[in-house]
Amino acid sequence: MKSKSNGGKRIREWGIRLMMKKSRNLATAAVARKLVVAIWYALNGLMPEILEEEKEFHQKMRNIANAIKENGVKSLNYSSIKNFIDSNVDKIMTAQFYRHNLRA
């Protein structure tokens, strides 16, 4: 989470948001877990599938956010449309990961 590289910007931002809500130790463990999961997918040749799904989910959440507009997003307790999209895509991707692993 201390990295200055742009390669891990999204996961770093997610980790910092989590650290503000929870604790530093929990956020560090969560970021480490996300990295381990990404490595597992990459080693098993599944990374492109996951990245394509994530792009699709981002587009769908963006369409929803555009439909309900800024006021609708704020009424759902999100600070911005970007926060709404990122938060929900993270939830969907986590659910997809668990669903995939339960079948295995």
PDB file of N, CA and C in Angstrom:
ATOM      1  N   MET A   1       0.822  -1.188   0.000  1.00  0.00           N
ATOM      2  CA  MET A   1       0.000   0.000   0.000  1.00  0.00           C
ATOM      3  C   MET A   1       0.871   1.259   0.000  1.00  0.00           C
ATOM      4  N   LYS A   2       2.162   1.107   0.201  1.00  0.00           N
ATOM      5  CA  LYS A   2       3.049   2.259   0.189  1.00  0.00           C
ATOM      6  C   LYS A   2       3.677   2.485  -1.184  1.00  0.00           C
ATOM      7  N   SER A   3       3.400   1.591  -2.138  1.00  0.00           N
ATOM      8  CA  SER A   3       3.998   1.664  -3.463  1.00  0.00           C
ATOM      9  C   SER A   3       3.613   2.962  -4.168  1.00  0.00           C
ATOM     10  N   LYS A   4       4.554   3.514  -4.917  1.00  0.00           N
ATOM     11  CA  LYS A   4       4.302   4.735  -5.681  1.00  0.00           C
ATOM     12  C   LYS A   4       4.023   4.428  -7.141  1.00  0.00           C
ATOM     13  N   SER A   5       4.125   3.159  -7.543  1.00  0.00           N
ATOM     14  CA  SER A   5       3.926   2.794  -8.943  1.00  0.00           C
ATOM     15  C   SER A   5       2.450   2.895  -9.308  1.00  0.00           C
ATOM     16  N   ASN A   6       2.173   3.225 -10.560  1.00  0.00           N
ATOM     17  CA  ASN A   6       0.792   3.332 -11.031  1.00  0.00           C
ATOM     18  C   ASN A   6       0.182   1.963 -11.289  1.00  0.00           C
ATOM     19  N   GLY A   7       1.016   0.924 -11.379  1.00  0.00           N
ATOM     20  CA  GLY A   7       0.523  -0.418 -11.654  1.00  0.00           C
ATOM     21  C   GLY A   7      -0.446  -0.932 -10.605  1.00  0.00           C
ATOM     22  N   GLY A   8      -0.236  -0.577  -9.354  1.00  0.00           N
ATOM     23  CA  GLY A   8      -1.093  -1.047  -8.281  1.00  0.00           C
ATOM     24  C   GLY A   8      -1.988   0.032  -7.710  1.00  0.00           C
ATOM     25  N   LYS A   9      -2.241   1.064  -8.500  1.00  0.00           N
ATOM     26  CA  LYS A   9      -2.989   2.220  -8.005  1.00  0.00           C
ATOM     27  C   LYS A   9      -4.382   1.840  -7.502  1.00  0.00           C
ATOM     28  N   ARG A  10      -5.087   1.012  -8.261  1.00  0.00           N
ATOM     29  CA  ARG A  10      -6.465   0.686  -7.898  1.00  0.00           C
ATOM     30  C   ARG A  10      -6.531  -0.112  -6.595  1.00  0.00           C
ATOM     31  N   ILE A  11      -5.673  -1.105  -6.464  1.00  0.00           N
ATOM     32  CA  ILE A  11      -5.694  -1.921  -5.245  1.00  0.00           C
ATOM     33  C   ILE A  11      -5.193  -1.103  -4.056  1.00  0.00           C
ATOM     34  N   ARG A  12      -4.236  -0.203  -4.299  1.00  0.00           N
ATOM     35  CA  ARG A  12      -3.741   0.660  -3.221  1.00  0.00           C
ATOM     36  C   ARG A  12      -4.854   1.583  -2.728  1.00  0.00           C
ATOM     37  N   GLU A  13      -5.588   2.195  -3.661  1.00  0.00           N
ATOM     38  CA  GLU A  13      -6.695   3.072  -3.271  1.00  0.00           C
ATOM     39  C   GLU A  13      -7.759   2.298  -2.505  1.00  0.00           C
ATOM     40  N   TRP A  14      -8.054   1.086  -2.974  1.00  0.00           N
ATOM     41  CA  TRP A  14      -9.029   0.238  -2.281  1.00  0.00           C
ATOM     42  C   TRP A  14      -8.548  -0.066  -0.861  1.00  0.00           C
ATOM     43  N   GLY A  15      -7.259  -0.401  -0.719  1.00  0.00           N
ATOM     44  CA  GLY A  15      -6.686  -0.703   0.588  1.00  0.00           C
ATOM     45  C   GLY A  15      -6.730   0.494   1.529  1.00  0.00           C
ATOM     46  N   ILE A  16      -6.467   1.667   1.010  1.00  0.00           N
ATOM     47  CA  ILE A  16      -6.500   2.884   1.833  1.00  0.00           C
ATOM     48  C   ILE A  16      -7.925   3.174   2.292  1.00  0.00           C
ATOM     49  N   ARG A  17      -8.914   3.017   1.368  1.00  0.00           N
ATOM     50  CA  ARG A  17     -10.311   3.217   1.764  1.00  0.00           C
ATOM     51  C   ARG A  17     -10.705   2.229   2.864  1.00  0.00           C
ATOM     52  N   LEU A  18     -10.268   0.985   2.718  1.00  0.00           N
ATOM     53  CA  LEU A  18     -10.578  -0.034   3.728  1.00  0.00           C
ATOM     54  C   LEU A  18      -9.902   0.306   5.055  1.00  0.00           C
ATOM     55  N   MET A  19      -8.672   0.798   4.993  1.00  0.00           N
ATOM     56  CA  MET A  19      -7.940   1.149   6.204  1.00  0.00           C
ATOM     57  C   MET A  19      -8.658   2.275   6.960  1.00  0.00           C
ATOM     58  N   MET A  20      -9.274   3.201   6.230  1.00  0.00           N
ATOM     59  CA  MET A  20     -10.015   4.291   6.875  1.00  0.00           C
ATOM     60  C   MET A  20     -11.262   3.770   7.591  1.00  0.00           C
ATOM     61  N   LYS A  21     -11.866   2.704   7.050  1.00  0.00           N
ATOM     62  CA  LYS A  21     -13.081   2.146   7.640  1.00  0.00           C
ATOM     63  C   LYS A  21     -12.767   1.159   8.760  1.00  0.00           C
ATOM     64  N   LYS A  22     -11.743   0.359   8.563  1.00  0.00           N
ATOM     65  CA  LYS A  22     -11.426  -0.722   9.514  1.00  0.00           C
ATOM     66  C   LYS A  22     -10.122  -0.391  10.244  1.00  0.00           C
ATOM     67  N   SER A  23      -9.119  -1.235  10.055  1.00  0.00           N
ATOM     68  CA  SER A  23      -7.824  -0.989  10.697  1.00  0.00           C
ATOM     69  C   SER A  23      -6.700  -1.229   9.689  1.00  0.00           C
ATOM     70  N   ARG A  24      -5.516  -0.758  10.039  1.00  0.00           N
ATOM     71  CA  ARG A  24      -4.356  -0.925   9.153  1.00  0.00           C
ATOM     72  C   ARG A  24      -4.045  -2.409   8.950  1.00  0.00           C
ATOM     73  N   ASN A  25      -4.077  -3.202  10.020  1.00  0.00           N
ATOM     74  CA  ASN A  25      -3.749  -4.622   9.902  1.00  0.00           C
ATOM     75  C   ASN A  25      -4.754  -5.363   9.023  1.00  0.00           C
ATOM     76  N   LEU A  26      -6.031  -5.075   9.202  1.00  0.00           N
ATOM     77  CA  LEU A  26      -7.050  -5.736   8.402  1.00  0.00           C
ATOM     78  C   LEU A  26      -6.905  -5.338   6.930  1.00  0.00           C
ATOM     79  N   ALA A  27      -6.664  -4.067   6.656  1.00  0.00           N
ATOM     80  CA  ALA A  27      -6.499  -3.595   5.280  1.00  0.00           C
ATOM     81  C   ALA A  27      -5.271  -4.230   4.634  1.00  0.00           C
ATOM     82  N   THR A  28      -4.188  -4.324   5.368  1.00  0.00           N
ATOM     83  CA  THR A  28      -2.969  -4.942   4.837  1.00  0.00           C
ATOM     84  C   THR A  28      -3.216  -6.403   4.496  1.00  0.00           C
ATOM     85  N   ALA A  29      -3.887  -7.117   5.380  1.00  0.00           N
ATOM     86  CA  ALA A  29      -4.199  -8.524   5.132  1.00  0.00           C
ATOM     87  C   ALA A  29      -5.133  -8.665   3.925  1.00  0.00           C
ATOM     88  N   ALA A  30      -6.101  -7.772   3.788  1.00  0.00           N
ATOM     89  CA  ALA A  30      -7.046  -7.837   2.670  1.00  0.00           C
ATOM     90  C   ALA A  30      -6.340  -7.572   1.338  1.00  0.00           C
ATOM     91  N   VAL A  31      -5.430  -6.588   1.313  1.00  0.00           N
ATOM     92  CA  VAL A  31      -4.676  -6.303   0.097  1.00  0.00           C
ATOM     93  C   VAL A  31      -3.790  -7.493  -0.248  1.00  0.00           C
ATOM     94  N   ALA A  32      -3.134  -8.063   0.748  1.00  0.00           N
ATOM     95  CA  ALA A  32      -2.287  -9.237   0.510  1.00  0.00           C
ATOM     96  C   ALA A  32      -3.107 -10.391  -0.057  1.00  0.00           C
ATOM     97  N   ARG A  33      -4.304 -10.582   0.475  1.00  0.00           N
ATOM     98  CA  ARG A  33      -5.167 -11.652  -0.004  1.00  0.00           C
ATOM     99  C   ARG A  33      -5.563 -11.413  -1.462  1.00  0.00           C
ATOM    100  N   LYS A  34      -5.913 -10.172  -1.798  1.00  0.00           N
ATOM    101  CA  LYS A  34      -6.261  -9.861  -3.189  1.00  0.00           C
ATOM    102  C   LYS A  34      -5.089 -10.157  -4.122  1.00  0.00           C
ATOM    103  N   LEU A  35      -3.892  -9.820  -3.687  1.00  0.00           N
ATOM    104  CA  LEU A  35      -2.716 -10.086  -4.515  1.00  0.00           C
ATOM    105  C   LEU A  35      -2.483 -11.584  -4.690  1.00  0.00           C
ATOM    106  N   VAL A  36      -2.651 -12.343  -3.618  1.00  0.00           N
ATOM    107  CA  VAL A  36      -2.481 -13.798  -3.697  1.00  0.00           C
ATOM    108  C   VAL A  36      -3.520 -14.400  -4.642  1.00  0.00           C
ATOM    109  N   VAL A  37      -4.753 -13.942  -4.557  1.00  0.00           N
ATOM    110  CA  VAL A  37      -5.812 -14.443  -5.444  1.00  0.00           C
ATOM    111  C   VAL A  37      -5.465 -14.122  -6.894  1.00  0.00           C
ATOM    112  N   ALA A  38      -5.005 -12.906  -7.167  1.00  0.00           N
ATOM    113  CA  ALA A  38      -4.630 -12.518  -8.525  1.00  0.00           C
ATOM    114  C   ALA A  38      -3.493 -13.390  -9.041  1.00  0.00           C
ATOM    115  N   ILE A  39      -2.520 -13.670  -8.185  1.00  0.00           N
ATOM    116  CA  ILE A  39      -1.401 -14.534  -8.583  1.00  0.00           C
ATOM    117  C   ILE A  39      -1.898 -15.941  -8.865  1.00  0.00           C
ATOM    118  N   TRP A  40      -2.803 -16.454  -8.031  1.00  0.00           N
ATOM    119  CA  TRP A  40      -3.351 -17.795  -8.236  1.00  0.00           C
ATOM    120  C   TRP A  40      -4.046 -17.873  -9.591  1.00  0.00           C
ATOM    121  N   TYR A  41      -4.880 -16.863  -9.897  1.00  0.00           N
ATOM    122  CA  TYR A  41      -5.563 -16.843 -11.187  1.00  0.00           C
ATOM    123  C   TYR A  41      -4.560 -16.794 -12.334  1.00  0.00           C
ATOM    124  N   ALA A  42      -3.532 -15.947 -12.199  1.00  0.00           N
ATOM    125  CA  ALA A  42      -2.526 -15.822 -13.254  1.00  0.00           C
ATOM    126  C   ALA A  42      -1.791 -17.147 -13.465  1.00  0.00           C
ATOM    127  N   LEU A  43      -1.417 -17.820 -12.383  1.00  0.00           N
ATOM    128  CA  LEU A  43      -0.707 -19.096 -12.497  1.00  0.00           C
ATOM    129  C   LEU A  43      -1.574 -20.200 -13.092  1.00  0.00           C
ATOM    130  N   ASN A  44      -2.875 -20.086 -12.928  1.00  0.00           N
ATOM    131  CA  ASN A  44      -3.786 -21.082 -13.474  1.00  0.00           C
ATOM    132  C   ASN A  44      -4.371 -20.669 -14.816  1.00  0.00           C
ATOM    133  N   GLY A  45      -3.852 -19.600 -15.392  1.00  0.00           N
ATOM    134  CA  GLY A  45      -4.260 -19.164 -16.716  1.00  0.00           C
ATOM    135  C   GLY A  45      -5.650 -18.580 -16.801  1.00  0.00           C
ATOM    136  N   LEU A  46      -6.197 -18.106 -15.698  1.00  0.00           N
ATOM    137  CA  LEU A  46      -7.560 -17.597 -15.679  1.00  0.00           C
ATOM    138  C   LEU A  46      -7.652 -16.074 -15.652  1.00  0.00           C
ATOM    139  N   MET A  47      -6.547 -15.381 -15.624  1.00  0.00           N
ATOM    140  CA  MET A  47      -6.560 -13.936 -15.452  1.00  0.00           C
ATOM    141  C   MET A  47      -7.306 -13.195 -16.568  1.00  0.00           C
ATOM    142  N   PRO A  48      -7.097 -13.511 -17.845  1.00  0.00           N
ATOM    143  CA  PRO A  48      -7.820 -12.759 -18.879  1.00  0.00           C
ATOM    144  C   PRO A  48      -9.343 -12.857 -18.728  1.00  0.00           C
ATOM    145  N   GLU A  49      -9.857 -14.026 -18.338  1.00  0.00           N
ATOM    146  CA  GLU A  49     -11.296 -14.183 -18.144  1.00  0.00           C
ATOM    147  C   GLU A  49     -11.790 -13.244 -17.039  1.00  0.00           C
ATOM    148  N   ILE A  50     -11.072 -13.203 -15.932  1.00  0.00           N
ATOM    149  CA  ILE A  50     -11.458 -12.363 -14.807  1.00  0.00           C
ATOM    150  C   ILE A  50     -11.415 -10.887 -15.197  1.00  0.00           C
ATOM    151  N   LEU A  51     -10.389 -10.478 -15.936  1.00  0.00           N
ATOM    152  CA  LEU A  51     -10.272  -9.076 -16.340  1.00  0.00           C
ATOM    153  C   LEU A  51     -11.399  -8.686 -17.281  1.00  0.00           C
ATOM    154  N   GLU A  52     -11.798  -9.584 -18.185  1.00  0.00           N
ATOM    155  CA  GLU A  52     -12.911  -9.295 -19.090  1.00  0.00           C
ATOM    156  C   GLU A  52     -14.206  -9.145 -18.311  1.00  0.00           C
ATOM    157  N   GLU A  53     -14.438 -10.033 -17.338  1.00  0.00           N
ATOM    158  CA  GLU A  53     -15.632  -9.934 -16.514  1.00  0.00           C
ATOM    159  C   GLU A  53     -15.647  -8.605 -15.766  1.00  0.00           C
ATOM    160  N   GLU A  54     -14.497  -8.214 -15.242  1.00  0.00           N
ATOM    161  CA  GLU A  54     -14.428  -6.969 -14.483  1.00  0.00           C
ATOM    162  C   GLU A  54     -14.764  -5.767 -15.369  1.00  0.00           C
ATOM    163  N   LYS A  55     -14.291  -5.765 -16.608  1.00  0.00           N
ATOM    164  CA  LYS A  55     -14.612  -4.681 -17.536  1.00  0.00           C
ATOM    165  C   LYS A  55     -16.121  -4.623 -17.791  1.00  0.00           C
ATOM    166  N   GLU A  56     -16.727  -5.794 -17.965  1.00  0.00           N
ATOM    167  CA  GLU A  56     -18.171  -5.849 -18.205  1.00  0.00           C
ATOM    168  C   GLU A  56     -18.941  -5.304 -17.001  1.00  0.00           C
ATOM    169  N   PHE A  57     -18.529  -5.709 -15.790  1.00  0.00           N
ATOM    170  CA  PHE A  57     -19.198  -5.238 -14.582  1.00  0.00           C
ATOM    171  C   PHE A  57     -19.044  -3.731 -14.412  1.00  0.00           C
ATOM    172  N   HIS A  58     -17.857  -3.209 -14.746  1.00  0.00           N
ATOM    173  CA  HIS A  58     -17.637  -1.761 -14.667  1.00  0.00           C
ATOM    174  C   HIS A  58     -18.608  -1.036 -15.592  1.00  0.00           C
ATOM    175  N   GLN A  59     -18.741  -1.531 -16.822  1.00  0.00           N
ATOM    176  CA  GLN A  59     -19.628  -0.883 -17.779  1.00  0.00           C
ATOM    177  C   GLN A  59     -21.082  -0.945 -17.306  1.00  0.00           C
ATOM    178  N   LYS A  60     -21.500  -2.094 -16.789  1.00  0.00           N
ATOM    179  CA  LYS A  60     -22.874  -2.229 -16.303  1.00  0.00           C
ATOM    180  C   LYS A  60     -23.137  -1.300 -15.116  1.00  0.00           C
ATOM    181  N   MET A  61     -22.183  -1.213 -14.194  1.00  0.00           N
ATOM    182  CA  MET A  61     -22.362  -0.327 -13.038  1.00  0.00           C
ATOM    183  C   MET A  61     -22.354   1.133 -13.480  1.00  0.00           C
ATOM    184  N   ARG A  62     -21.548   1.459 -14.484  1.00  0.00           N
ATOM    185  CA  ARG A  62     -21.522   2.828 -15.013  1.00  0.00           C
ATOM    186  C   ARG A  62     -22.891   3.167 -15.627  1.00  0.00           C
ATOM    187  N   ASN A  63     -23.478   2.206 -16.345  1.00  0.00           N
ATOM    188  CA  ASN A  63     -24.807   2.426 -16.929  1.00  0.00           C
ATOM    189  C   ASN A  63     -25.854   2.653 -15.831  1.00  0.00           C
ATOM    190  N   ILE A  64     -25.775   1.852 -14.753  1.00  0.00           N
ATOM    191  CA  ILE A  64     -26.707   2.020 -13.634  1.00  0.00           C
ATOM    192  C   ILE A  64     -26.516   3.388 -12.992  1.00  0.00           C
ATOM    193  N   ALA A  65     -25.270   3.768 -12.762  1.00  0.00           N
ATOM    194  CA  ALA A  65     -24.979   5.064 -12.138  1.00  0.00           C
ATOM    195  C   ALA A  65     -25.492   6.208 -13.004  1.00  0.00           C
ATOM    196  N   ASN A  66     -25.324   6.086 -14.314  1.00  0.00           N
ATOM    197  CA  ASN A  66     -25.821   7.137 -15.209  1.00  0.00           C
ATOM    198  C   ASN A  66     -27.339   7.212 -15.180  1.00  0.00           C
ATOM    199  N   ALA A  67     -27.992   6.056 -15.005  1.00  0.00           N
ATOM    200  CA  ALA A  67     -29.455   6.039 -14.966  1.00  0.00           C
ATOM    201  C   ALA A  67     -30.000   6.682 -13.685  1.00  0.00           C
ATOM    202  N   ILE A  68     -29.325   6.431 -12.554  1.00  0.00           N
ATOM    203  CA  ILE A  68     -29.843   6.983 -11.292  1.00  0.00           C
ATOM    204  C   ILE A  68     -29.239   8.346 -10.948  1.00  0.00           C
ATOM    205  N   LYS A  69     -28.237   8.757 -11.706  1.00  0.00           N
ATOM    206  CA  LYS A  69     -27.607  10.072 -11.585  1.00  0.00           C
ATOM    207  C   LYS A  69     -26.934  10.279 -10.220  1.00  0.00           C
ATOM    208  N   GLU A  70     -26.265  11.400 -10.100  1.00  0.00           N
ATOM    209  CA  GLU A  70     -25.482  11.726  -8.897  1.00  0.00           C
ATOM    210  C   GLU A  70     -26.336  11.725  -7.627  1.00  0.00           C
ATOM    211  N   ASN A  71     -27.521  12.303  -7.690  1.00  0.00           N
ATOM    212  CA  ASN A  71     -28.382  12.371  -6.502  1.00  0.00           C
ATOM    213  C   ASN A  71     -28.814  10.977  -6.039  1.00  0.00           C
ATOM    214  N   GLY A  72     -29.112  10.104  -6.992  1.00  0.00           N
ATOM    215  CA  GLY A  72     -29.496   8.734  -6.646  1.00  0.00           C
ATOM    216  C   GLY A  72     -28.360   7.981  -5.997  1.00  0.00           C
ATOM    217  N   VAL A  73     -27.157   8.179  -6.505  1.00  0.00           N
ATOM    218  CA  VAL A  73     -25.969   7.528  -5.939  1.00  0.00           C
ATOM    219  C   VAL A  73     -25.737   8.024  -4.520  1.00  0.00           C
ATOM    220  N   LYS A  74     -25.870   9.328  -4.315  1.00  0.00           N
ATOM    221  CA  LYS A  74     -25.662   9.901  -2.975  1.00  0.00           C
ATOM    222  C   LYS A  74     -26.753   9.460  -2.003  1.00  0.00           C
ATOM    223  N   SER A  75     -27.981   9.241  -2.510  1.00  0.00           N
ATOM    224  CA  SER A  75     -29.052   8.763  -1.631  1.00  0.00           C
ATOM    225  C   SER A  75     -28.795   7.323  -1.172  1.00  0.00           C
ATOM    226  N   LEU A  76     -27.922   6.614  -1.894  1.00  0.00           N
ATOM    227  CA  LEU A  76     -27.530   5.255  -1.500  1.00  0.00           C
ATOM    228  C   LEU A  76     -26.280   5.262  -0.608  1.00  0.00           C
ATOM    229  N   ASN A  77     -25.909   6.441  -0.133  1.00  0.00           N
ATOM    230  CA  ASN A  77     -24.766   6.641   0.781  1.00  0.00           C
ATOM    231  C   ASN A  77     -23.403   6.414   0.131  1.00  0.00           C
ATOM    232  N   TYR A  78     -23.273   6.744  -1.143  1.00  0.00           N
ATOM    233  CA  TYR A  78     -21.976   6.732  -1.814  1.00  0.00           C
ATOM    234  C   TYR A  78     -21.571   8.182  -2.030  1.00  0.00           C
ATOM    235  N   SER A  79     -20.298   8.473  -1.862  1.00  0.00           N
ATOM    236  CA  SER A  79     -19.838   9.856  -1.968  1.00  0.00           C
ATOM    237  C   SER A  79     -19.788  10.352  -3.409  1.00  0.00           C
ATOM    238  N   SER A  80     -19.633   9.434  -4.361  1.00  0.00           N
ATOM    239  CA  SER A  80     -19.547   9.828  -5.763  1.00  0.00           C
ATOM    240  C   SER A  80     -19.938   8.648  -6.649  1.00  0.00           C
ATOM    241  N   ILE A  81     -20.107   8.938  -7.917  1.00  0.00           N
ATOM    242  CA  ILE A  81     -20.417   7.874  -8.878  1.00  0.00           C
ATOM    243  C   ILE A  81     -19.251   6.896  -8.955  1.00  0.00           C
ATOM    244  N   LYS A  82     -18.016   7.401  -8.944  1.00  0.00           N
ATOM    245  CA  LYS A  82     -16.834   6.533  -8.997  1.00  0.00           C
ATOM    246  C   LYS A  82     -16.815   5.589  -7.798  1.00  0.00           C
ATOM    247  N   ASN A  83     -17.106   6.112  -6.617  1.00  0.00           N
ATOM    248  CA  ASN A  83     -17.139   5.290  -5.407  1.00  0.00           C
ATOM    249  C   ASN A  83     -18.224   4.222  -5.517  1.00  0.00           C
ATOM    250  N   PHE A  84     -19.379   4.580  -6.055  1.00  0.00           N
ATOM    251  CA  PHE A  84     -20.483   3.647  -6.265  1.00  0.00           C
ATOM    252  C   PHE A  84     -20.054   2.506  -7.187  1.00  0.00           C
ATOM    253  N   ILE A  85     -19.432   2.866  -8.318  1.00  0.00           N
ATOM    254  CA  ILE A  85     -19.010   1.862  -9.298  1.00  0.00           C
ATOM    255  C   ILE A  85     -17.941   0.953  -8.699  1.00  0.00           C
ATOM    256  N   ASP A  86     -16.875   1.542  -8.145  1.00  0.00           N
ATOM    257  CA  ASP A  86     -15.769   0.739  -7.602  1.00  0.00           C
ATOM    258  C   ASP A  86     -16.221  -0.187  -6.488  1.00  0.00           C
ATOM    259  N   SER A  87     -17.034   0.314  -5.584  1.00  0.00           N
ATOM    260  CA  SER A  87     -17.501  -0.478  -4.454  1.00  0.00           C
ATOM    261  C   SER A  87     -18.324  -1.675  -4.918  1.00  0.00           C
ATOM    262  N   ASN A  88     -19.228  -1.443  -5.845  1.00  0.00           N
ATOM    263  CA  ASN A  88     -20.092  -2.519  -6.306  1.00  0.00           C
ATOM    264  C   ASN A  88     -19.363  -3.522  -7.187  1.00  0.00           C
ATOM    265  N   VAL A  89     -18.424  -3.060  -8.000  1.00  0.00           N
ATOM    266  CA  VAL A  89     -17.638  -3.990  -8.820  1.00  0.00           C
ATOM    267  C   VAL A  89     -16.788  -4.870  -7.904  1.00  0.00           C
ATOM    268  N   ASP A  90     -16.200  -4.297  -6.850  1.00  0.00           N
ATOM    269  CA  ASP A  90     -15.431  -5.101  -5.895  1.00  0.00           C
ATOM    270  C   ASP A  90     -16.304  -6.179  -5.268  1.00  0.00           C
ATOM    271  N   LYS A  91     -17.535  -5.822  -4.890  1.00  0.00           N
ATOM    272  CA  LYS A  91     -18.444  -6.801  -4.289  1.00  0.00           C
ATOM    273  C   LYS A  91     -18.779  -7.911  -5.278  1.00  0.00           C
ATOM    274  N   ILE A  92     -19.053  -7.542  -6.522  1.00  0.00           N
ATOM    275  CA  ILE A  92     -19.404  -8.534  -7.541  1.00  0.00           C
ATOM    276  C   ILE A  92     -18.227  -9.450  -7.832  1.00  0.00           C
ATOM    277  N   MET A  93     -17.038  -8.877  -7.966  1.00  0.00           N
ATOM    278  CA  MET A  93     -15.858  -9.695  -8.265  1.00  0.00           C
ATOM    279  C   MET A  93     -15.553 -10.647  -7.118  1.00  0.00           C
ATOM    280  N   THR A  94     -15.736 -10.204  -5.881  1.00  0.00           N
ATOM    281  CA  THR A  94     -15.525 -11.073  -4.723  1.00  0.00           C
ATOM    282  C   THR A  94     -16.530 -12.216  -4.737  1.00  0.00           C
ATOM    283  N   ALA A  95     -17.789 -11.902  -5.040  1.00  0.00           N
ATOM    284  CA  ALA A  95     -18.823 -12.942  -5.111  1.00  0.00           C
ATOM    285  C   ALA A  95     -18.513 -13.927  -6.235  1.00  0.00           C
ATOM    286  N   GLN A  96     -18.048 -13.424  -7.380  1.00  0.00           N
ATOM    287  CA  GLN A  96     -17.690 -14.301  -8.495  1.00  0.00           C
ATOM    288  C   GLN A  96     -16.554 -15.229  -8.095  1.00  0.00           C
ATOM    289  N   PHE A  97     -15.563 -14.697  -7.383  1.00  0.00           N
ATOM    290  CA  PHE A  97     -14.432 -15.505  -6.953  1.00  0.00           C
ATOM    291  C   PHE A  97     -14.895 -16.644  -6.039  1.00  0.00           C
ATOM    292  N   TYR A  98     -15.739 -16.323  -5.055  1.00  0.00           N
ATOM    293  CA  TYR A  98     -16.225 -17.354  -4.134  1.00  0.00           C
ATOM    294  C   TYR A  98     -17.090 -18.376  -4.849  1.00  0.00           C
ATOM    295  N   ARG A  99     -17.941 -17.915  -5.770  1.00  0.00           N
ATOM    296  CA  ARG A  99     -18.792 -18.836  -6.521  1.00  0.00           C
ATOM    297  C   ARG A  99     -17.936 -19.799  -7.328  1.00  0.00           C
ATOM    298  N   HIS A 100     -16.885 -19.271  -7.967  1.00  0.00           N
ATOM    299  CA  HIS A 100     -15.988 -20.098  -8.772  1.00  0.00           C
ATOM    300  C   HIS A 100     -15.286 -21.138  -7.894  1.00  0.00           C
ATOM    301  N   ASN A 101     -14.824 -20.717  -6.720  1.00  0.00           N
ATOM    302  CA  ASN A 101     -14.083 -21.636  -5.848  1.00  0.00           C
ATOM    303  C   ASN A 101     -14.984 -22.668  -5.166  1.00  0.00           C
ATOM    304  N   LEU A 102     -16.261 -22.344  -4.952  1.00  0.00           N
ATOM    305  CA  LEU A 102     -17.155 -23.308  -4.352  1.00  0.00           C
ATOM    306  C   LEU A 102     -17.459 -24.445  -5.319  1.00  0.00           C
ATOM    307  N   ARG A 103     -17.432 -24.162  -6.616  1.00  0.00           N
ATOM    308  CA  ARG A 103     -17.679 -25.198  -7.614  1.00  0.00           C
ATOM    309  C   ARG A 103     -16.484 -26.133  -7.755  1.00  0.00           C
ATOM    310  N   ALA A 104     -15.300 -25.630  -7.463  1.00  0.00           N
ATOM    311  CA  ALA A 104     -14.076 -26.424  -7.662  1.00  0.00           C
ATOM    312  C   ALA A 104     -13.953 -27.543  -6.630  1.00  0.00           C
TER     313      ALA A 104
END
